[in-house]
Amino acid sequence: MKNYLRNWNFMRVLRLVLGIFIIVQGIMAKEWLLIGLGGLFSLMPLMNIGCCGTSGCNTPISKSNKKVEDITYEEVR
């Protein structure tokens, strides 16, 4: 359990709290859709999935050693 909680940051905890809040509001309003959405939003930080986790939004870095040459343009009239 200690190893599982080691990689948690503020945003991950906030997403879990908001998901639980949505579940509680869904139970109070007796709305199954809110309970389902709250479950989904609570499951995402628990599994560390989504755009905010595991570098989902990063683009790969090019590992090319090629030298970039300047391109010259000539004006056509």
C-alpha atoms as a PDB file:
ATOM      1  CA  MET A   1       0.000   0.000   0.000  1.00  0.00           C
ATOM      2  CA  LYS A   2       2.866   2.360   0.814  1.00  0.00           C
ATOM      3  CA  ASN A   3       4.423   1.812  -2.636  1.00  0.00           C
ATOM      4  CA  TYR A   4       1.054   2.419  -4.313  1.00  0.00           C
ATOM      5  CA  LEU A   5       0.576   5.827  -2.699  1.00  0.00           C
ATOM      6  CA  ARG A   6       4.147   6.977  -3.366  1.00  0.00           C
ATOM      7  CA  ASN A   7       3.512   8.270  -6.907  1.00  0.00           C
ATOM      8  CA  TRP A   8       0.364  10.241  -6.090  1.00  0.00           C
ATOM      9  CA  ASN A   9       0.380  13.976  -6.737  1.00  0.00           C
ATOM     10  CA  PHE A  10      -2.102  16.722  -5.913  1.00  0.00           C
ATOM     11  CA  MET A  11      -4.064  16.437  -9.173  1.00  0.00           C
ATOM     12  CA  ARG A  12      -4.525  12.697  -8.792  1.00  0.00           C
ATOM     13  CA  VAL A  13      -5.879  13.101  -5.254  1.00  0.00           C
ATOM     14  CA  LEU A  14      -8.113  15.968  -6.397  1.00  0.00           C
ATOM     15  CA  ARG A  15      -9.569  13.836  -9.206  1.00  0.00           C
ATOM     16  CA  LEU A  16     -10.314  11.025  -6.749  1.00  0.00           C
ATOM     17  CA  VAL A  17     -11.991  13.407  -4.277  1.00  0.00           C
ATOM     18  CA  LEU A  18     -14.120  14.948  -7.044  1.00  0.00           C
ATOM     19  CA  GLY A  19     -15.118  11.491  -8.290  1.00  0.00           C
ATOM     20  CA  ILE A  20     -16.222  10.466  -4.800  1.00  0.00           C
ATOM     21  CA  PHE A  21     -18.095  13.759  -4.461  1.00  0.00           C
ATOM     22  CA  ILE A  22     -19.959  13.054  -7.724  1.00  0.00           C
ATOM     23  CA  ILE A  23     -20.881   9.566  -6.457  1.00  0.00           C
ATOM     24  CA  VAL A  24     -22.233  10.987  -3.191  1.00  0.00           C
ATOM     25  CA  GLN A  25     -24.253  13.623  -5.054  1.00  0.00           C
ATOM     26  CA  GLY A  26     -25.619  10.941  -7.380  1.00  0.00           C
ATOM     27  CA  ILE A  27     -26.700   8.807  -4.424  1.00  0.00           C
ATOM     28  CA  MET A  28     -28.362  11.784  -2.746  1.00  0.00           C
ATOM     29  CA  ALA A  29     -30.203  12.735  -5.961  1.00  0.00           C
ATOM     30  CA  LYS A  30     -30.902   9.059  -6.840  1.00  0.00           C
ATOM     31  CA  GLU A  31     -29.430   9.580 -10.291  1.00  0.00           C
ATOM     32  CA  TRP A  32     -27.780   6.458 -11.689  1.00  0.00           C
ATOM     33  CA  LEU A  33     -25.989   8.397 -14.426  1.00  0.00           C
ATOM     34  CA  LEU A  34     -24.171  10.557 -11.873  1.00  0.00           C
ATOM     35  CA  ILE A  35     -23.234   7.478  -9.856  1.00  0.00           C
ATOM     36  CA  GLY A  36     -21.809   5.863 -13.004  1.00  0.00           C
ATOM     37  CA  LEU A  37     -19.887   8.979 -14.007  1.00  0.00           C
ATOM     38  CA  GLY A  38     -18.579   9.372 -10.467  1.00  0.00           C
ATOM     39  CA  GLY A  39     -17.437   5.762 -10.559  1.00  0.00           C
ATOM     40  CA  LEU A  40     -15.650   6.386 -13.844  1.00  0.00           C
ATOM     41  CA  PHE A  41     -14.005   9.562 -12.545  1.00  0.00           C
ATOM     42  CA  SER A  42     -12.964   7.751  -9.347  1.00  0.00           C
ATOM     43  CA  LEU A  43     -11.565   4.784 -11.240  1.00  0.00           C
ATOM     44  CA  MET A  44      -9.325   6.925 -13.451  1.00  0.00           C
ATOM     45  CA  PRO A  45      -7.003   8.172 -10.666  1.00  0.00           C
ATOM     46  CA  LEU A  46      -7.042   4.770  -8.964  1.00  0.00           C
ATOM     47  CA  MET A  47      -5.809   3.075 -12.152  1.00  0.00           C
ATOM     48  CA  ASN A  48      -3.683   6.099 -13.151  1.00  0.00           C
ATOM     49  CA  ILE A  49      -5.254   6.308 -16.590  1.00  0.00           C
ATOM     50  CA  GLY A  50      -6.273   9.323 -18.618  1.00  0.00           C
ATOM     51  CA  CYS A  51      -4.433  12.217 -20.146  1.00  0.00           C
ATOM     52  CA  CYS A  52      -2.993  13.398 -16.839  1.00  0.00           C
ATOM     53  CA  GLY A  53      -1.240  10.122 -16.051  1.00  0.00           C
ATOM     54  CA  THR A  54       1.669   8.155 -17.496  1.00  0.00           C
ATOM     55  CA  SER A  55       2.709  10.903 -19.932  1.00  0.00           C
ATOM     56  CA  GLY A  56      -0.391  10.555 -22.083  1.00  0.00           C
ATOM     57  CA  CYS A  57      -0.073  14.075 -23.490  1.00  0.00           C
ATOM     58  CA  ASN A  58       3.639  14.044 -24.233  1.00  0.00           C
ATOM     59  CA  THR A  59       4.924  13.824 -27.779  1.00  0.00           C
ATOM     60  CA  PRO A  60       7.908  11.623 -28.580  1.00  0.00           C
ATOM     61  CA  ILE A  61      11.271  13.357 -28.804  1.00  0.00           C
ATOM     62  CA  SER A  62      13.087  12.933 -32.075  1.00  0.00           C
ATOM     63  CA  LYS A  63      16.446  11.225 -31.570  1.00  0.00           C
ATOM     64  CA  SER A  64      17.923  12.227 -34.883  1.00  0.00           C
ATOM     65  CA  ASN A  65      21.510  13.446 -35.130  1.00  0.00           C
ATOM     66  CA  LYS A  66      21.000  14.968 -38.565  1.00  0.00           C
ATOM     67  CA  LYS A  67      22.121  18.553 -38.916  1.00  0.00           C
ATOM     68  CA  VAL A  68      19.352  20.891 -39.992  1.00  0.00           C
ATOM     69  CA  GLU A  69      20.300  22.859 -43.075  1.00  0.00           C
ATOM     70  CA  ASP A  70      19.000  26.353 -43.719  1.00  0.00           C
ATOM     71  CA  ILE A  71      16.702  26.597 -46.705  1.00  0.00           C
ATOM     72  CA  THR A  72      17.152  29.528 -49.039  1.00  0.00           C
ATOM     73  CA  TYR A  73      14.287  30.846 -51.104  1.00  0.00           C
ATOM     74  CA  GLU A  74      14.462  32.995 -54.190  1.00  0.00           C
ATOM     75  CA  GLU A  75      11.752  35.373 -55.159  1.00  0.00           C
ATOM     76  CA  VAL A  76       9.867  34.643 -58.358  1.00  0.00           C
ATOM     77  CA  ARG A  77       8.402  37.654 -60.192  1.00  0.00           C
END
